[in-house]
Amino acid sequence: MRKVLVIVTVVLMGVAAAGCSVPARLNSFVNRTERRAYRYTLRDWHRSLDRYENLVSQYVHNYTSYTTSQKRMAMRAIGRYHALLVRAGVKESAGLIYELREYAGALRDIFSRDEWAFIDFLRDVLGLREERIFDLRNRLYEESR
């Protein structure tokens, strides 16, 4: 009877240890994030990304110690999390586009009156280099003649 109790205890400890593995924690983390993502703010995403990077770092550090099924679970969780990030980024980008659309008339007026405002916009928002901006400006100026 005592041997059975020891064997059951060892098996339960093994199951508990497997449930607390990094791939299981990563999967659980992504499940929680999927449930809550619809209400995440930008600050929430930053916190979430920090936690995610920590879990992935732990996973990579101990990669060889996991079973094939644990590796599969972790890779699926990683893929699902990246899909969440893409969806959140698309949502934020769409919001920015709608916001810019609201200001389009004002931007057009500013850009038509102040060439440097247009150049600053291209450099700061779109990340264009100055020589590319001046080439674009010259082409637009020549076409408007």
N, C-alpha and C. Protein backbone atom coordinates (compact mmCIF):
# COMPACT_ATOMS: atom_id res chain seq x y z
N MET A 1 0.82 -1.18 0.00
CA MET A 1 0.00 0.00 0.00
C MET A 1 0.87 1.26 0.00
N ARG A 2 1.93 1.21 0.75
CA ARG A 2 2.82 2.38 0.83
C ARG A 2 3.49 2.66 -0.51
N LYS A 3 3.87 1.60 -1.26
CA LYS A 3 4.49 1.78 -2.58
C LYS A 3 3.51 2.46 -3.53
N VAL A 4 2.25 2.11 -3.48
CA VAL A 4 1.24 2.70 -4.34
C VAL A 4 1.11 4.19 -4.02
N LEU A 5 1.10 4.51 -2.73
CA LEU A 5 1.00 5.91 -2.32
C LEU A 5 2.19 6.73 -2.81
N VAL A 6 3.39 6.15 -2.73
CA VAL A 6 4.60 6.83 -3.21
C VAL A 6 4.53 7.02 -4.72
N ILE A 7 4.10 6.01 -5.44
CA ILE A 7 4.01 6.08 -6.90
C ILE A 7 2.98 7.14 -7.30
N VAL A 8 1.83 7.17 -6.65
CA VAL A 8 0.80 8.16 -6.95
C VAL A 8 1.31 9.56 -6.66
N THR A 9 2.02 9.72 -5.56
CA THR A 9 2.58 11.03 -5.21
C THR A 9 3.58 11.49 -6.25
N VAL A 10 4.46 10.58 -6.70
CA VAL A 10 5.46 10.93 -7.72
C VAL A 10 4.78 11.30 -9.02
N VAL A 11 3.77 10.56 -9.41
CA VAL A 11 3.05 10.85 -10.65
C VAL A 11 2.35 12.21 -10.56
N LEU A 12 1.70 12.49 -9.44
CA LEU A 12 1.02 13.77 -9.27
C LEU A 12 2.01 14.93 -9.28
N MET A 13 3.17 14.73 -8.69
CA MET A 13 4.19 15.78 -8.71
C MET A 13 4.69 16.01 -10.13
N GLY A 14 4.85 14.94 -10.89
CA GLY A 14 5.27 15.06 -12.29
C GLY A 14 4.25 15.80 -13.13
N VAL A 15 2.98 15.48 -12.91
CA VAL A 15 1.91 16.17 -13.64
C VAL A 15 1.86 17.64 -13.26
N ALA A 16 2.02 17.93 -11.97
CA ALA A 16 2.01 19.33 -11.52
C ALA A 16 3.20 20.09 -12.09
N ALA A 17 4.36 19.44 -12.13
CA ALA A 17 5.55 20.10 -12.70
C ALA A 17 5.37 20.34 -14.18
N ALA A 18 4.78 19.40 -14.91
CA ALA A 18 4.56 19.57 -16.34
C ALA A 18 3.56 20.70 -16.60
N GLY A 19 2.56 20.83 -15.75
CA GLY A 19 1.56 21.89 -15.90
C GLY A 19 2.14 23.27 -15.65
N CYS A 20 3.23 23.35 -14.91
CA CYS A 20 3.85 24.63 -14.60
C CYS A 20 5.02 24.94 -15.53
N SER A 21 5.18 24.16 -16.56
CA SER A 21 6.29 24.39 -17.48
C SER A 21 6.09 25.70 -18.22
N VAL A 22 7.17 26.21 -18.74
CA VAL A 22 7.10 27.48 -19.48
C VAL A 22 6.16 27.39 -20.67
N PRO A 23 6.19 26.31 -21.48
CA PRO A 23 5.21 26.25 -22.58
C PRO A 23 3.76 26.31 -22.08
N ALA A 24 3.47 25.67 -20.96
CA ALA A 24 2.10 25.72 -20.42
C ALA A 24 1.77 27.13 -19.93
N ARG A 25 2.72 27.78 -19.27
CA ARG A 25 2.49 29.15 -18.81
C ARG A 25 2.33 30.10 -19.99
N LEU A 26 3.12 29.89 -21.04
CA LEU A 26 3.03 30.71 -22.25
C LEU A 26 1.66 30.53 -22.89
N ASN A 27 1.20 29.30 -22.99
CA ASN A 27 -0.11 29.02 -23.57
C ASN A 27 -1.22 29.65 -22.74
N SER A 28 -1.12 29.53 -21.43
CA SER A 28 -2.10 30.13 -20.54
C SER A 28 -2.11 31.66 -20.66
N PHE A 29 -0.93 32.24 -20.74
CA PHE A 29 -0.80 33.69 -20.91
C PHE A 29 -1.48 34.15 -22.20
N VAL A 30 -1.24 33.44 -23.30
CA VAL A 30 -1.84 33.82 -24.59
C VAL A 30 -3.36 33.64 -24.54
N ASN A 31 -3.83 32.58 -23.88
CA ASN A 31 -5.28 32.39 -23.73
C ASN A 31 -5.92 33.58 -23.01
N ARG A 32 -5.30 34.01 -21.90
CA ARG A 32 -5.82 35.17 -21.16
C ARG A 32 -5.78 36.43 -22.03
N THR A 33 -4.69 36.59 -22.77
CA THR A 33 -4.56 37.78 -23.62
C THR A 33 -5.63 37.78 -24.71
N GLU A 34 -5.91 36.63 -25.29
CA GLU A 34 -6.96 36.56 -26.31
C GLU A 34 -8.32 36.96 -25.75
N ARG A 35 -8.60 36.52 -24.52
CA ARG A 35 -9.89 36.86 -23.91
C ARG A 35 -10.01 38.35 -23.60
N ARG A 36 -8.90 39.00 -23.28
CA ARG A 36 -8.93 40.39 -22.82
C ARG A 36 -8.51 41.41 -23.88
N ALA A 37 -7.98 40.97 -25.00
CA ALA A 37 -7.36 41.87 -25.99
C ALA A 37 -8.31 42.94 -26.50
N TYR A 38 -9.59 42.65 -26.59
CA TYR A 38 -10.53 43.63 -27.15
C TYR A 38 -10.58 44.92 -26.34
N ARG A 39 -10.18 44.87 -25.08
CA ARG A 39 -10.23 46.08 -24.26
C ARG A 39 -8.85 46.62 -23.88
N TYR A 40 -7.80 46.09 -24.47
CA TYR A 40 -6.45 46.52 -24.14
C TYR A 40 -6.17 47.93 -24.66
N THR A 41 -5.51 48.71 -23.83
CA THR A 41 -5.00 50.01 -24.26
C THR A 41 -3.57 49.81 -24.73
N LEU A 42 -2.97 50.87 -25.24
CA LEU A 42 -1.58 50.78 -25.67
C LEU A 42 -0.67 50.41 -24.50
N ARG A 43 -0.96 50.95 -23.34
CA ARG A 43 -0.17 50.63 -22.14
C ARG A 43 -0.31 49.15 -21.78
N ASP A 44 -1.53 48.61 -21.89
CA ASP A 44 -1.74 47.19 -21.62
C ASP A 44 -0.93 46.33 -22.58
N TRP A 45 -0.88 46.74 -23.85
CA TRP A 45 -0.10 45.97 -24.83
C TRP A 45 1.39 46.00 -24.50
N HIS A 46 1.87 47.13 -24.02
CA HIS A 46 3.29 47.20 -23.64
C HIS A 46 3.59 46.26 -22.47
N ARG A 47 2.73 46.26 -21.48
CA ARG A 47 2.91 45.34 -20.34
C ARG A 47 2.84 43.88 -20.80
N SER A 48 1.86 43.61 -21.64
CA SER A 48 1.68 42.26 -22.15
C SER A 48 2.91 41.81 -22.93
N LEU A 49 3.43 42.69 -23.75
CA LEU A 49 4.60 42.36 -24.55
C LEU A 49 5.83 42.10 -23.67
N ASP A 50 5.97 42.85 -22.60
CA ASP A 50 7.08 42.59 -21.67
C ASP A 50 6.97 41.19 -21.06
N ARG A 51 5.78 40.84 -20.62
CA ARG A 51 5.55 39.51 -20.02
C ARG A 51 5.79 38.42 -21.07
N TYR A 52 5.30 38.64 -22.26
CA TYR A 52 5.47 37.68 -23.36
C TYR A 52 6.95 37.46 -23.66
N GLU A 53 7.70 38.55 -23.78
CA GLU A 53 9.13 38.43 -24.08
C GLU A 53 9.87 37.69 -22.99
N ASN A 54 9.46 37.89 -21.74
CA ASN A 54 10.08 37.17 -20.63
C ASN A 54 9.80 35.67 -20.74
N LEU A 55 8.56 35.31 -21.02
CA LEU A 55 8.21 33.89 -21.17
C LEU A 55 8.93 33.25 -22.35
N VAL A 56 9.00 33.95 -23.47
CA VAL A 56 9.68 33.40 -24.65
C VAL A 56 11.17 33.25 -24.37
N SER A 57 11.75 34.19 -23.66
CA SER A 57 13.16 34.09 -23.30
C SER A 57 13.42 32.85 -22.43
N GLN A 58 12.55 32.62 -21.47
CA GLN A 58 12.67 31.42 -20.63
C GLN A 58 12.51 30.15 -21.48
N TYR A 59 11.56 30.19 -22.39
CA TYR A 59 11.31 29.03 -23.26
C TYR A 59 12.54 28.72 -24.11
N VAL A 60 13.11 29.73 -24.73
CA VAL A 60 14.27 29.53 -25.60
C VAL A 60 15.47 29.04 -24.79
N HIS A 61 15.63 29.58 -23.60
CA HIS A 61 16.75 29.20 -22.74
C HIS A 61 16.72 27.70 -22.38
N ASN A 62 15.52 27.16 -22.19
CA ASN A 62 15.37 25.74 -21.79
C ASN A 62 14.77 24.88 -22.90
N TYR A 63 14.91 25.29 -24.14
CA TYR A 63 14.26 24.65 -25.28
C TYR A 63 14.51 23.14 -25.34
N THR A 64 15.73 22.72 -25.12
CA THR A 64 16.08 21.30 -25.28
C THR A 64 15.45 20.41 -24.22
N SER A 65 14.97 20.98 -23.13
CA SER A 65 14.41 20.16 -22.05
C SER A 65 12.93 19.84 -22.26
N TYR A 66 12.29 20.40 -23.28
CA TYR A 66 10.86 20.20 -23.47
C TYR A 66 10.58 19.05 -24.42
N THR A 67 9.41 18.45 -24.22
CA THR A 67 8.97 17.38 -25.11
C THR A 67 8.45 17.99 -26.41
N THR A 68 8.23 17.15 -27.39
CA THR A 68 7.72 17.62 -28.68
C THR A 68 6.34 18.27 -28.52
N SER A 69 5.50 17.69 -27.69
CA SER A 69 4.16 18.27 -27.51
C SER A 69 4.24 19.63 -26.81
N GLN A 70 5.17 19.78 -25.87
CA GLN A 70 5.35 21.08 -25.22
C GLN A 70 5.87 22.12 -26.21
N LYS A 71 6.78 21.70 -27.08
CA LYS A 71 7.31 22.62 -28.10
C LYS A 71 6.19 23.05 -29.05
N ARG A 72 5.35 22.10 -29.44
CA ARG A 72 4.22 22.44 -30.31
C ARG A 72 3.27 23.42 -29.63
N MET A 73 2.98 23.17 -28.36
CA MET A 73 2.09 24.06 -27.61
C MET A 73 2.68 25.47 -27.57
N ALA A 74 3.97 25.57 -27.30
CA ALA A 74 4.62 26.88 -27.22
C ALA A 74 4.61 27.57 -28.58
N MET A 75 4.90 26.86 -29.64
CA MET A 75 4.94 27.48 -30.97
C MET A 75 3.55 27.95 -31.41
N ARG A 76 2.53 27.19 -31.07
CA ARG A 76 1.16 27.63 -31.38
C ARG A 76 0.82 28.89 -30.59
N ALA A 77 1.21 28.91 -29.32
CA ALA A 77 0.94 30.09 -28.49
C ALA A 77 1.68 31.31 -29.04
N ILE A 78 2.92 31.13 -29.46
CA ILE A 78 3.69 32.23 -30.04
C ILE A 78 3.01 32.75 -31.31
N GLY A 79 2.57 31.85 -32.15
CA GLY A 79 1.86 32.25 -33.37
C GLY A 79 0.58 33.00 -33.08
N ARG A 80 -0.18 32.51 -32.10
CA ARG A 80 -1.44 33.18 -31.74
C ARG A 80 -1.18 34.56 -31.18
N TYR A 81 -0.12 34.71 -30.38
CA TYR A 81 0.19 36.02 -29.80
C TYR A 81 0.59 37.01 -30.89
N HIS A 82 1.38 36.56 -31.85
CA HIS A 82 1.78 37.45 -32.94
C HIS A 82 0.56 37.85 -33.77
N ALA A 83 -0.38 36.95 -33.95
CA ALA A 83 -1.62 37.30 -34.66
C ALA A 83 -2.38 38.38 -33.89
N LEU A 84 -2.41 38.28 -32.57
CA LEU A 84 -3.06 39.31 -31.74
C LEU A 84 -2.37 40.66 -31.92
N LEU A 85 -1.04 40.65 -31.95
CA LEU A 85 -0.29 41.89 -32.14
C LEU A 85 -0.59 42.52 -33.49
N VAL A 86 -0.67 41.70 -34.52
CA VAL A 86 -0.97 42.21 -35.86
C VAL A 86 -2.36 42.83 -35.89
N ARG A 87 -3.33 42.12 -35.32
CA ARG A 87 -4.69 42.67 -35.30
C ARG A 87 -4.76 43.98 -34.53
N ALA A 88 -4.07 44.04 -33.40
CA ALA A 88 -4.06 45.28 -32.61
C ALA A 88 -3.38 46.40 -33.39
N GLY A 89 -2.29 46.08 -34.09
CA GLY A 89 -1.60 47.08 -34.89
C GLY A 89 -2.44 47.59 -36.04
N VAL A 90 -3.16 46.70 -36.69
CA VAL A 90 -4.05 47.09 -37.79
C VAL A 90 -5.15 47.99 -37.26
N LYS A 91 -5.69 47.64 -36.10
CA LYS A 91 -6.75 48.45 -35.51
C LYS A 91 -6.24 49.86 -35.18
N GLU A 92 -5.04 49.95 -34.60
CA GLU A 92 -4.45 51.25 -34.27
C GLU A 92 -4.15 52.03 -35.54
N SER A 93 -3.63 51.36 -36.57
CA SER A 93 -3.32 52.03 -37.84
C SER A 93 -4.58 52.56 -38.50
N ALA A 94 -5.64 51.78 -38.46
CA ALA A 94 -6.91 52.23 -39.04
C ALA A 94 -7.42 53.47 -38.31
N GLY A 95 -7.28 53.47 -37.00
CA GLY A 95 -7.68 54.64 -36.21
C GLY A 95 -6.88 55.86 -36.60
N LEU A 96 -5.59 55.69 -36.83
CA LEU A 96 -4.74 56.80 -37.24
C LEU A 96 -5.13 57.32 -38.62
N ILE A 97 -5.45 56.41 -39.53
CA ILE A 97 -5.85 56.82 -40.88
C ILE A 97 -7.15 57.62 -40.82
N TYR A 98 -8.12 57.16 -40.03
CA TYR A 98 -9.37 57.91 -39.89
C TYR A 98 -9.13 59.28 -39.27
N GLU A 99 -8.22 59.33 -38.31
CA GLU A 99 -7.89 60.61 -37.68
C GLU A 99 -7.24 61.56 -38.68
N LEU A 100 -6.31 61.06 -39.49
CA LEU A 100 -5.67 61.89 -40.51
C LEU A 100 -6.69 62.35 -41.55
N ARG A 101 -7.64 61.48 -41.88
CA ARG A 101 -8.67 61.84 -42.86
C ARG A 101 -9.50 63.02 -42.37
N GLU A 102 -9.76 63.06 -41.06
CA GLU A 102 -10.53 64.17 -40.50
C GLU A 102 -9.78 65.49 -40.64
N TYR A 103 -8.46 65.42 -40.59
CA TYR A 103 -7.65 66.64 -40.67
C TYR A 103 -7.14 66.93 -42.08
N ALA A 104 -7.57 66.15 -43.06
CA ALA A 104 -7.03 66.28 -44.41
C ALA A 104 -7.20 67.68 -44.98
N GLY A 105 -8.35 68.29 -44.79
CA GLY A 105 -8.57 69.64 -45.32
C GLY A 105 -7.62 70.64 -44.71
N ALA A 106 -7.45 70.57 -43.39
CA ALA A 106 -6.55 71.49 -42.71
C ALA A 106 -5.10 71.24 -43.15
N LEU A 107 -4.73 69.96 -43.28
CA LEU A 107 -3.36 69.65 -43.73
C LEU A 107 -3.12 70.19 -45.13
N ARG A 108 -4.10 70.05 -46.02
CA ARG A 108 -3.95 70.54 -47.38
C ARG A 108 -3.71 72.05 -47.38
N ASP A 109 -4.48 72.78 -46.57
CA ASP A 109 -4.30 74.23 -46.49
C ASP A 109 -2.92 74.60 -45.96
N ILE A 110 -2.50 73.91 -44.92
CA ILE A 110 -1.19 74.20 -44.34
C ILE A 110 -0.09 73.89 -45.34
N PHE A 111 -0.19 72.73 -46.00
CA PHE A 111 0.87 72.33 -46.93
C PHE A 111 0.92 73.25 -48.14
N SER A 112 -0.22 73.74 -48.58
CA SER A 112 -0.21 74.62 -49.76
C SER A 112 0.36 76.00 -49.43
N ARG A 113 0.27 76.42 -48.19
CA ARG A 113 0.79 77.73 -47.79
C ARG A 113 2.21 77.68 -47.26
N ASP A 114 2.56 76.55 -46.62
CA ASP A 114 3.86 76.47 -45.96
C ASP A 114 4.59 75.22 -46.42
N GLU A 115 5.54 75.41 -47.32
CA GLU A 115 6.29 74.29 -47.87
C GLU A 115 7.06 73.54 -46.79
N TRP A 116 7.58 74.24 -45.81
CA TRP A 116 8.38 73.58 -44.76
C TRP A 116 7.52 72.70 -43.86
N ALA A 117 6.25 73.05 -43.69
CA ALA A 117 5.36 72.19 -42.91
C ALA A 117 5.19 70.86 -43.62
N PHE A 118 5.07 70.92 -44.95
CA PHE A 118 4.95 69.70 -45.76
C PHE A 118 6.22 68.86 -45.65
N ILE A 119 7.37 69.51 -45.72
CA ILE A 119 8.65 68.80 -45.62
C ILE A 119 8.80 68.16 -44.25
N ASP A 120 8.45 68.90 -43.20
CA ASP A 120 8.53 68.34 -41.84
C ASP A 120 7.61 67.14 -41.67
N PHE A 121 6.41 67.24 -42.25
CA PHE A 121 5.47 66.12 -42.18
C PHE A 121 6.05 64.88 -42.85
N LEU A 122 6.57 65.04 -44.05
CA LEU A 122 7.14 63.90 -44.76
C LEU A 122 8.31 63.29 -44.01
N ARG A 123 9.14 64.14 -43.42
CA ARG A 123 10.31 63.64 -42.71
C ARG A 123 9.92 62.96 -41.40
N ASP A 124 9.06 63.60 -40.61
CA ASP A 124 8.75 63.09 -39.28
C ASP A 124 7.75 61.94 -39.29
N VAL A 125 6.71 62.08 -40.07
CA VAL A 125 5.66 61.07 -40.05
C VAL A 125 5.97 59.90 -40.98
N LEU A 126 6.41 60.20 -42.18
CA LEU A 126 6.65 59.13 -43.14
C LEU A 126 8.08 58.62 -43.12
N GLY A 127 8.98 59.33 -42.44
CA GLY A 127 10.36 58.86 -42.31
C GLY A 127 11.18 59.00 -43.57
N LEU A 128 10.81 59.91 -44.47
CA LEU A 128 11.56 60.08 -45.70
C LEU A 128 12.83 60.90 -45.44
N ARG A 129 13.89 60.57 -46.15
CA ARG A 129 15.13 61.34 -46.04
C ARG A 129 14.98 62.65 -46.79
N GLU A 130 15.75 63.65 -46.38
CA GLU A 130 15.58 65.00 -46.93
C GLU A 130 15.80 65.07 -48.44
N GLU A 131 16.81 64.33 -48.96
CA GLU A 131 17.03 64.41 -50.41
C GLU A 131 15.85 63.83 -51.17
N ARG A 132 15.22 62.79 -50.63
CA ARG A 132 14.03 62.20 -51.25
C ARG A 132 12.88 63.19 -51.19
N ILE A 133 12.76 63.91 -50.09
CA ILE A 133 11.70 64.91 -49.95
C ILE A 133 11.88 66.02 -50.97
N PHE A 134 13.10 66.51 -51.13
CA PHE A 134 13.33 67.60 -52.07
C PHE A 134 13.11 67.14 -53.51
N ASP A 135 13.48 65.90 -53.81
CA ASP A 135 13.18 65.36 -55.15
C ASP A 135 11.68 65.34 -55.40
N LEU A 136 10.94 64.87 -54.41
CA LEU A 136 9.49 64.82 -54.53
C LEU A 136 8.91 66.22 -54.68
N ARG A 137 9.40 67.17 -53.89
CA ARG A 137 8.93 68.56 -53.98
C ARG A 137 9.19 69.14 -55.36
N ASN A 138 10.39 68.92 -55.89
CA ASN A 138 10.73 69.45 -57.22
C ASN A 138 9.86 68.84 -58.30
N ARG A 139 9.60 67.54 -58.22
CA ARG A 139 8.74 66.90 -59.20
C ARG A 139 7.32 67.46 -59.14
N LEU A 140 6.80 67.62 -57.91
CA LEU A 140 5.46 68.18 -57.78
C LEU A 140 5.41 69.61 -58.30
N TYR A 141 6.46 70.38 -58.06
CA TYR A 141 6.51 71.77 -58.51
C TYR A 141 6.53 71.83 -60.05
N GLU A 142 7.33 70.94 -60.67
CA GLU A 142 7.41 70.92 -62.13
C GLU A 142 6.08 70.47 -62.76
N GLU A 143 5.41 69.51 -62.14
CA GLU A 143 4.14 69.04 -62.68
C GLU A 143 3.03 70.08 -62.55
N SER A 144 3.14 70.95 -61.55
CA SER A 144 2.08 71.94 -61.34
C SER A 144 2.20 73.11 -62.33
N ARG A 145 3.29 73.23 -63.04
CA ARG A 145 3.44 74.32 -64.03
C ARG A 145 2.63 74.11 -65.24
